[in-house]
Amino acid sequence: MADALNARMAALRIGQQALATASGVSVATIRQLQHGAQRRRVQNATLTAVASALDWPHDHLIRVLLQDQDQERDAAEQAPPGSDPASAGTDHQILAVLLRIEQRLTDLAERIVPGVGRTGEQANDNGPDPAE
């Protein structure tokens, strides 16, 4: 689910704060969803709100989550005896990290040159950059 969420956020060029505001979900929860590090069960209402904010069908993230769980179970069942079933998802973990890096770069570019991450909008000149 984290891969799908990160890819959609990158495609829409939306950051954590903007998604949190649009969905009514905390930034901390968005971050947990992006990293796939849920220590507790995510409520369906949360997934529905985030999916809707990303212009997906309301049940999209729930279906992705269920599919991910099925794939993890299948990978564990197909893993050779004595092997680590967690290593089956290595490609997905690498992709998730790359997507997070891409999102972070987009966020940083937006801070350096406002408007660079948005299409169809012009940058607002808010005066000199304090870092200069």
N, C-alpha and C. Protein backbone atom coordinates (compact mmCIF):
# COMPACT_ATOMS: atom_id res chain seq x y z
N MET A 1 0.82 -1.18 0.00
CA MET A 1 0.00 0.00 0.00
C MET A 1 0.87 1.26 0.00
N ALA A 2 1.99 1.20 0.72
CA ALA A 2 2.89 2.35 0.77
C ALA A 2 3.38 2.72 -0.62
N ASP A 3 3.69 1.71 -1.44
CA ASP A 3 4.17 1.96 -2.80
C ASP A 3 3.11 2.71 -3.61
N ALA A 4 1.87 2.25 -3.54
CA ALA A 4 0.78 2.88 -4.29
C ALA A 4 0.57 4.31 -3.82
N LEU A 5 0.58 4.51 -2.52
CA LEU A 5 0.38 5.84 -1.96
C LEU A 5 1.49 6.79 -2.38
N ASN A 6 2.73 6.35 -2.27
CA ASN A 6 3.87 7.20 -2.64
C ASN A 6 3.86 7.52 -4.13
N ALA A 7 3.54 6.54 -4.95
CA ALA A 7 3.50 6.78 -6.39
C ALA A 7 2.42 7.79 -6.74
N ARG A 8 1.25 7.67 -6.11
CA ARG A 8 0.15 8.59 -6.39
C ARG A 8 0.49 10.00 -5.92
N MET A 9 1.10 10.10 -4.74
CA MET A 9 1.49 11.42 -4.23
C MET A 9 2.52 12.07 -5.15
N ALA A 10 3.45 11.29 -5.64
CA ALA A 10 4.46 11.82 -6.55
C ALA A 10 3.81 12.25 -7.86
N ALA A 11 2.90 11.43 -8.39
CA ALA A 11 2.24 11.76 -9.65
C ALA A 11 1.41 13.03 -9.53
N LEU A 12 0.76 13.21 -8.40
CA LEU A 12 -0.06 14.40 -8.18
C LEU A 12 0.75 15.57 -7.62
N ARG A 13 2.01 15.29 -7.30
CA ARG A 13 2.90 16.30 -6.73
C ARG A 13 2.27 16.93 -5.48
N ILE A 14 1.87 16.06 -4.59
CA ILE A 14 1.26 16.49 -3.35
C ILE A 14 2.11 16.00 -2.19
N GLY A 15 2.37 16.87 -1.25
CA GLY A 15 3.20 16.52 -0.10
C GLY A 15 2.36 16.01 1.06
N GLN A 16 3.05 15.62 2.11
CA GLN A 16 2.37 15.07 3.28
C GLN A 16 1.40 16.06 3.90
N GLN A 17 1.83 17.31 4.06
CA GLN A 17 0.97 18.31 4.70
C GLN A 17 -0.28 18.57 3.88
N ALA A 18 -0.12 18.70 2.57
CA ALA A 18 -1.28 18.96 1.70
C ALA A 18 -2.25 17.78 1.73
N LEU A 19 -1.72 16.56 1.71
CA LEU A 19 -2.58 15.38 1.76
C LEU A 19 -3.27 15.28 3.12
N ALA A 20 -2.56 15.59 4.17
CA ALA A 20 -3.15 15.56 5.51
C ALA A 20 -4.31 16.56 5.60
N THR A 21 -4.10 17.74 5.07
CA THR A 21 -5.15 18.76 5.09
C THR A 21 -6.35 18.34 4.25
N ALA A 22 -6.08 17.83 3.05
CA ALA A 22 -7.17 17.44 2.15
C ALA A 22 -7.97 16.26 2.67
N SER A 23 -7.31 15.37 3.40
CA SER A 23 -7.98 14.15 3.87
C SER A 23 -8.51 14.26 5.30
N GLY A 24 -8.03 15.24 6.05
CA GLY A 24 -8.42 15.35 7.44
C GLY A 24 -7.71 14.35 8.33
N VAL A 25 -6.60 13.82 7.85
CA VAL A 25 -5.80 12.83 8.58
C VAL A 25 -4.51 13.52 9.02
N SER A 26 -3.96 13.14 10.14
CA SER A 26 -2.74 13.78 10.64
C SER A 26 -1.54 13.49 9.73
N VAL A 27 -0.58 14.39 9.76
CA VAL A 27 0.65 14.20 9.01
C VAL A 27 1.36 12.94 9.49
N ALA A 28 1.32 12.69 10.79
CA ALA A 28 1.97 11.49 11.34
C ALA A 28 1.36 10.22 10.75
N THR A 29 0.05 10.21 10.59
CA THR A 29 -0.61 9.04 10.01
C THR A 29 -0.23 8.89 8.54
N ILE A 30 -0.20 10.00 7.81
CA ILE A 30 0.21 9.96 6.39
C ILE A 30 1.62 9.39 6.30
N ARG A 31 2.50 9.86 7.17
CA ARG A 31 3.89 9.38 7.18
C ARG A 31 3.94 7.87 7.43
N GLN A 32 3.16 7.40 8.39
CA GLN A 32 3.13 5.96 8.68
C GLN A 32 2.63 5.17 7.49
N LEU A 33 1.62 5.67 6.81
CA LEU A 33 1.10 4.98 5.63
C LEU A 33 2.16 4.96 4.52
N GLN A 34 2.88 6.06 4.36
CA GLN A 34 3.91 6.14 3.32
C GLN A 34 5.06 5.17 3.57
N HIS A 35 5.37 4.96 4.82
CA HIS A 35 6.50 4.09 5.16
C HIS A 35 6.07 2.65 5.41
N GLY A 36 4.77 2.41 5.39
CA GLY A 36 4.29 1.06 5.62
C GLY A 36 4.61 0.56 7.02
N ALA A 37 4.71 1.48 7.97
CA ALA A 37 5.13 1.11 9.32
C ALA A 37 3.97 1.28 10.30
N GLN A 38 2.86 0.63 10.01
CA GLN A 38 1.72 0.72 10.92
C GLN A 38 1.93 -0.24 12.08
N ARG A 39 2.00 0.31 13.27
CA ARG A 39 2.14 -0.54 14.46
C ARG A 39 0.78 -1.02 14.94
N ARG A 40 -0.25 -0.32 14.46
CA ARG A 40 -1.61 -0.72 14.80
C ARG A 40 -2.44 -0.70 13.52
N ARG A 41 -3.58 -1.31 13.59
CA ARG A 41 -4.45 -1.40 12.42
C ARG A 41 -4.95 -0.01 12.02
N VAL A 42 -4.88 0.28 10.74
CA VAL A 42 -5.38 1.55 10.23
C VAL A 42 -6.87 1.40 10.00
N GLN A 43 -7.63 2.37 10.46
CA GLN A 43 -9.07 2.31 10.30
C GLN A 43 -9.46 2.51 8.84
N ASN A 44 -10.52 1.82 8.44
CA ASN A 44 -11.02 1.95 7.08
C ASN A 44 -11.39 3.39 6.75
N ALA A 45 -11.91 4.11 7.73
CA ALA A 45 -12.29 5.51 7.50
C ALA A 45 -11.06 6.35 7.14
N THR A 46 -9.93 6.04 7.74
CA THR A 46 -8.69 6.76 7.43
C THR A 46 -8.26 6.47 6.00
N LEU A 47 -8.28 5.21 5.63
CA LEU A 47 -7.89 4.83 4.26
C LEU A 47 -8.85 5.41 3.24
N THR A 48 -10.13 5.45 3.57
CA THR A 48 -11.13 6.01 2.67
C THR A 48 -10.90 7.51 2.48
N ALA A 49 -10.61 8.23 3.56
CA ALA A 49 -10.37 9.67 3.47
C ALA A 49 -9.14 9.97 2.63
N VAL A 50 -8.08 9.21 2.82
CA VAL A 50 -6.84 9.43 2.06
C VAL A 50 -7.07 9.10 0.58
N ALA A 51 -7.74 7.99 0.31
CA ALA A 51 -8.01 7.61 -1.08
C ALA A 51 -8.83 8.68 -1.78
N SER A 52 -9.85 9.17 -1.12
CA SER A 52 -10.70 10.21 -1.72
C SER A 52 -9.91 11.49 -1.98
N ALA A 53 -9.03 11.86 -1.05
CA ALA A 53 -8.21 13.06 -1.23
C ALA A 53 -7.25 12.92 -2.41
N LEU A 54 -6.92 11.67 -2.76
CA LEU A 54 -6.02 11.41 -3.90
C LEU A 54 -6.80 11.11 -5.19
N ASP A 55 -8.10 11.41 -5.18
CA ASP A 55 -8.96 11.19 -6.35
C ASP A 55 -9.02 9.74 -6.78
N TRP A 56 -8.98 8.85 -5.82
CA TRP A 56 -9.16 7.42 -6.05
C TRP A 56 -10.56 7.04 -5.59
N PRO A 57 -11.09 5.89 -6.03
CA PRO A 57 -12.34 5.41 -5.45
C PRO A 57 -12.16 5.26 -3.94
N HIS A 58 -13.22 5.46 -3.18
CA HIS A 58 -13.12 5.49 -1.72
C HIS A 58 -12.54 4.20 -1.13
N ASP A 59 -12.70 3.07 -1.79
CA ASP A 59 -12.21 1.80 -1.24
C ASP A 59 -10.88 1.35 -1.84
N HIS A 60 -10.24 2.21 -2.61
CA HIS A 60 -9.02 1.81 -3.34
C HIS A 60 -7.91 1.34 -2.39
N LEU A 61 -7.59 2.13 -1.38
CA LEU A 61 -6.48 1.76 -0.49
C LEU A 61 -6.81 0.52 0.34
N ILE A 62 -8.08 0.33 0.66
CA ILE A 62 -8.47 -0.88 1.38
C ILE A 62 -8.22 -2.10 0.50
N ARG A 63 -8.61 -1.99 -0.78
CA ARG A 63 -8.38 -3.11 -1.70
C ARG A 63 -6.89 -3.36 -1.89
N VAL A 64 -6.09 -2.30 -2.00
CA VAL A 64 -4.63 -2.45 -2.15
C VAL A 64 -4.05 -3.11 -0.91
N LEU A 65 -4.49 -2.70 0.26
CA LEU A 65 -4.00 -3.28 1.51
C LEU A 65 -4.32 -4.77 1.58
N LEU A 66 -5.53 -5.13 1.23
CA LEU A 66 -5.92 -6.55 1.24
C LEU A 66 -5.10 -7.35 0.23
N GLN A 67 -4.85 -6.77 -0.94
CA GLN A 67 -4.05 -7.44 -1.95
C GLN A 67 -2.61 -7.62 -1.44
N ASP A 68 -2.06 -6.59 -0.78
CA ASP A 68 -0.71 -6.68 -0.21
C ASP A 68 -0.63 -7.82 0.81
N GLN A 69 -1.65 -7.93 1.64
CA GLN A 69 -1.66 -8.98 2.65
C GLN A 69 -1.72 -10.36 2.00
N ASP A 70 -2.51 -10.48 0.93
CA ASP A 70 -2.58 -11.75 0.19
C ASP A 70 -1.22 -12.09 -0.42
N GLN A 71 -0.54 -11.10 -0.99
CA GLN A 71 0.77 -11.34 -1.60
C GLN A 71 1.80 -11.73 -0.55
N GLU A 72 1.77 -11.10 0.61
CA GLU A 72 2.71 -11.47 1.68
C GLU A 72 2.47 -12.90 2.12
N ARG A 73 1.21 -13.29 2.25
CA ARG A 73 0.89 -14.65 2.66
C ARG A 73 1.34 -15.64 1.59
N ASP A 74 1.10 -15.31 0.31
CA ASP A 74 1.53 -16.19 -0.78
C ASP A 74 3.05 -16.33 -0.82
N ALA A 75 3.75 -15.20 -0.63
CA ALA A 75 5.22 -15.24 -0.65
C ALA A 75 5.75 -16.11 0.49
N ALA A 76 5.12 -16.00 1.65
CA ALA A 76 5.55 -16.81 2.79
C ALA A 76 5.30 -18.29 2.52
N GLU A 77 4.19 -18.61 1.86
CA GLU A 77 3.88 -20.01 1.56
C GLU A 77 4.79 -20.58 0.49
N GLN A 78 5.24 -19.73 -0.46
CA GLN A 78 6.06 -20.20 -1.57
C GLN A 78 7.55 -20.16 -1.27
N ALA A 79 7.92 -19.53 -0.18
CA ALA A 79 9.34 -19.43 0.16
C ALA A 79 9.91 -20.81 0.45
N PRO A 80 11.13 -21.06 -0.03
CA PRO A 80 11.77 -22.35 0.26
C PRO A 80 11.94 -22.53 1.76
N PRO A 81 11.89 -23.77 2.23
CA PRO A 81 12.07 -24.02 3.66
C PRO A 81 13.39 -23.44 4.15
N GLY A 82 13.32 -22.79 5.30
CA GLY A 82 14.53 -22.22 5.89
C GLY A 82 14.89 -20.85 5.35
N SER A 83 14.17 -20.35 4.34
CA SER A 83 14.49 -19.03 3.80
C SER A 83 13.70 -17.96 4.54
N ASP A 84 14.09 -16.72 4.35
CA ASP A 84 13.44 -15.60 5.01
C ASP A 84 12.34 -15.07 4.10
N PRO A 85 11.06 -15.26 4.45
CA PRO A 85 9.97 -14.79 3.61
C PRO A 85 9.97 -13.27 3.45
N ALA A 86 10.55 -12.56 4.40
CA ALA A 86 10.58 -11.10 4.31
C ALA A 86 11.43 -10.62 3.14
N SER A 87 12.40 -11.42 2.72
CA SER A 87 13.26 -11.00 1.62
C SER A 87 12.52 -11.01 0.28
N ALA A 88 11.36 -11.66 0.22
CA ALA A 88 10.58 -11.70 -1.02
C ALA A 88 10.09 -10.32 -1.41
N GLY A 89 9.94 -9.42 -0.45
CA GLY A 89 9.44 -8.09 -0.75
C GLY A 89 10.54 -7.05 -0.93
N THR A 90 11.76 -7.48 -1.15
CA THR A 90 12.88 -6.56 -1.26
C THR A 90 12.71 -5.56 -2.39
N ASP A 91 12.24 -6.01 -3.55
CA ASP A 91 12.02 -5.11 -4.67
C ASP A 91 11.01 -4.03 -4.31
N HIS A 92 9.96 -4.41 -3.62
CA HIS A 92 8.96 -3.44 -3.22
C HIS A 92 9.52 -2.45 -2.21
N GLN A 93 10.38 -2.92 -1.33
CA GLN A 93 10.99 -2.03 -0.35
C GLN A 93 11.91 -1.02 -1.03
N ILE A 94 12.67 -1.47 -2.01
CA ILE A 94 13.55 -0.57 -2.75
C ILE A 94 12.74 0.48 -3.49
N LEU A 95 11.67 0.05 -4.14
CA LEU A 95 10.81 0.99 -4.85
C LEU A 95 10.21 2.01 -3.89
N ALA A 96 9.79 1.56 -2.73
CA ALA A 96 9.20 2.47 -1.75
C ALA A 96 10.22 3.52 -1.31
N VAL A 97 11.46 3.10 -1.09
CA VAL A 97 12.51 4.03 -0.69
C VAL A 97 12.77 5.03 -1.80
N LEU A 98 12.84 4.57 -3.03
CA LEU A 98 13.07 5.47 -4.16
C LEU A 98 11.93 6.48 -4.31
N LEU A 99 10.70 6.02 -4.10
CA LEU A 99 9.56 6.93 -4.19
C LEU A 99 9.60 7.97 -3.07
N ARG A 100 10.02 7.55 -1.87
CA ARG A 100 10.14 8.51 -0.77
C ARG A 100 11.23 9.53 -1.07
N ILE A 101 12.33 9.09 -1.65
CA ILE A 101 13.41 10.01 -2.02
C ILE A 101 12.90 11.01 -3.06
N GLU A 102 12.18 10.49 -4.05
CA GLU A 102 11.64 11.37 -5.09
C GLU A 102 10.69 12.40 -4.49
N GLN A 103 9.84 11.98 -3.56
CA GLN A 103 8.91 12.91 -2.92
C GLN A 103 9.67 13.95 -2.11
N ARG A 104 10.69 13.53 -1.41
CA ARG A 104 11.49 14.46 -0.61
C ARG A 104 12.18 15.49 -1.50
N LEU A 105 12.71 15.04 -2.63
CA LEU A 105 13.34 15.96 -3.58
C LEU A 105 12.34 16.97 -4.12
N THR A 106 11.14 16.50 -4.41
CA THR A 106 10.09 17.40 -4.89
C THR A 106 9.75 18.43 -3.82
N ASP A 107 9.63 17.98 -2.57
CA ASP A 107 9.34 18.90 -1.47
C ASP A 107 10.46 19.94 -1.31
N LEU A 108 11.72 19.48 -1.40
CA LEU A 108 12.84 20.40 -1.27
C LEU A 108 12.89 21.40 -2.43
N ALA A 109 12.62 20.93 -3.64
CA ALA A 109 12.60 21.82 -4.80
C ALA A 109 11.52 22.88 -4.63
N GLU A 110 10.39 22.48 -4.09
CA GLU A 110 9.29 23.43 -3.85
C GLU A 110 9.71 24.49 -2.84
N ARG A 111 10.48 24.11 -1.83
CA ARG A 111 10.94 25.08 -0.84
C ARG A 111 11.97 26.04 -1.43
N ILE A 112 12.82 25.52 -2.29
CA ILE A 112 13.88 26.34 -2.88
C ILE A 112 13.30 27.30 -3.91
N VAL A 113 12.47 26.78 -4.80
CA VAL A 113 11.86 27.58 -5.86
C VAL A 113 10.35 27.36 -5.78
N PRO A 114 9.63 28.19 -5.02
CA PRO A 114 8.19 28.00 -4.90
C PRO A 114 7.52 27.93 -6.26
N GLY A 115 6.63 26.98 -6.40
CA GLY A 115 5.91 26.81 -7.65
C GLY A 115 6.52 25.80 -8.59
N VAL A 116 7.77 25.37 -8.34
CA VAL A 116 8.42 24.44 -9.24
C VAL A 116 7.75 23.08 -9.24
N GLY A 117 7.13 22.70 -8.14
CA GLY A 117 6.48 21.39 -8.06
C GLY A 117 5.05 21.41 -8.52
N ARG A 118 4.53 22.60 -8.87
CA ARG A 118 3.14 22.71 -9.29
C ARG A 118 3.07 23.02 -10.76
N THR A 119 2.12 22.41 -11.43
CA THR A 119 1.95 22.69 -12.85
C THR A 119 0.81 23.69 -13.01
N GLY A 120 0.95 24.59 -13.97
CA GLY A 120 -0.09 25.54 -14.26
C GLY A 120 -0.16 26.70 -13.29
N GLU A 121 0.77 26.80 -12.36
CA GLU A 121 0.79 27.91 -11.42
C GLU A 121 2.13 28.62 -11.53
N GLN A 122 2.10 29.89 -11.24
CA GLN A 122 3.34 30.64 -11.23
C GLN A 122 3.84 30.74 -9.80
N ALA A 123 5.13 30.89 -9.67
CA ALA A 123 5.71 31.01 -8.35
C ALA A 123 5.35 32.36 -7.75
N ASN A 124 5.14 32.39 -6.44
CA ASN A 124 4.90 33.63 -5.74
C ASN A 124 6.22 34.13 -5.19
N ASP A 125 6.52 35.40 -5.43
CA ASP A 125 7.75 35.97 -4.89
C ASP A 125 7.42 36.56 -3.54
N ASN A 126 7.85 35.89 -2.50
CA ASN A 126 7.58 36.34 -1.14
C ASN A 126 8.77 37.08 -0.56
N GLY A 127 9.56 37.69 -1.40
CA GLY A 127 10.70 38.45 -0.92
C GLY A 127 11.95 37.61 -0.93
N PRO A 128 13.03 38.17 -0.41
CA PRO A 128 14.32 37.46 -0.42
C PRO A 128 14.28 36.23 0.46
N ASP A 129 15.02 35.25 0.02
CA ASP A 129 15.12 34.00 0.77
C ASP A 129 16.04 34.22 1.95
N PRO A 130 15.57 33.93 3.18
CA PRO A 130 16.42 34.14 4.37
C PRO A 130 17.71 33.34 4.31
N ALA A 131 17.76 32.26 3.53
CA ALA A 131 18.97 31.44 3.45
C ALA A 131 20.05 32.10 2.62
N GLU A 132 19.67 33.13 1.84
CA GLU A 132 20.66 33.75 0.95
C GLU A 132 21.45 34.79 1.67
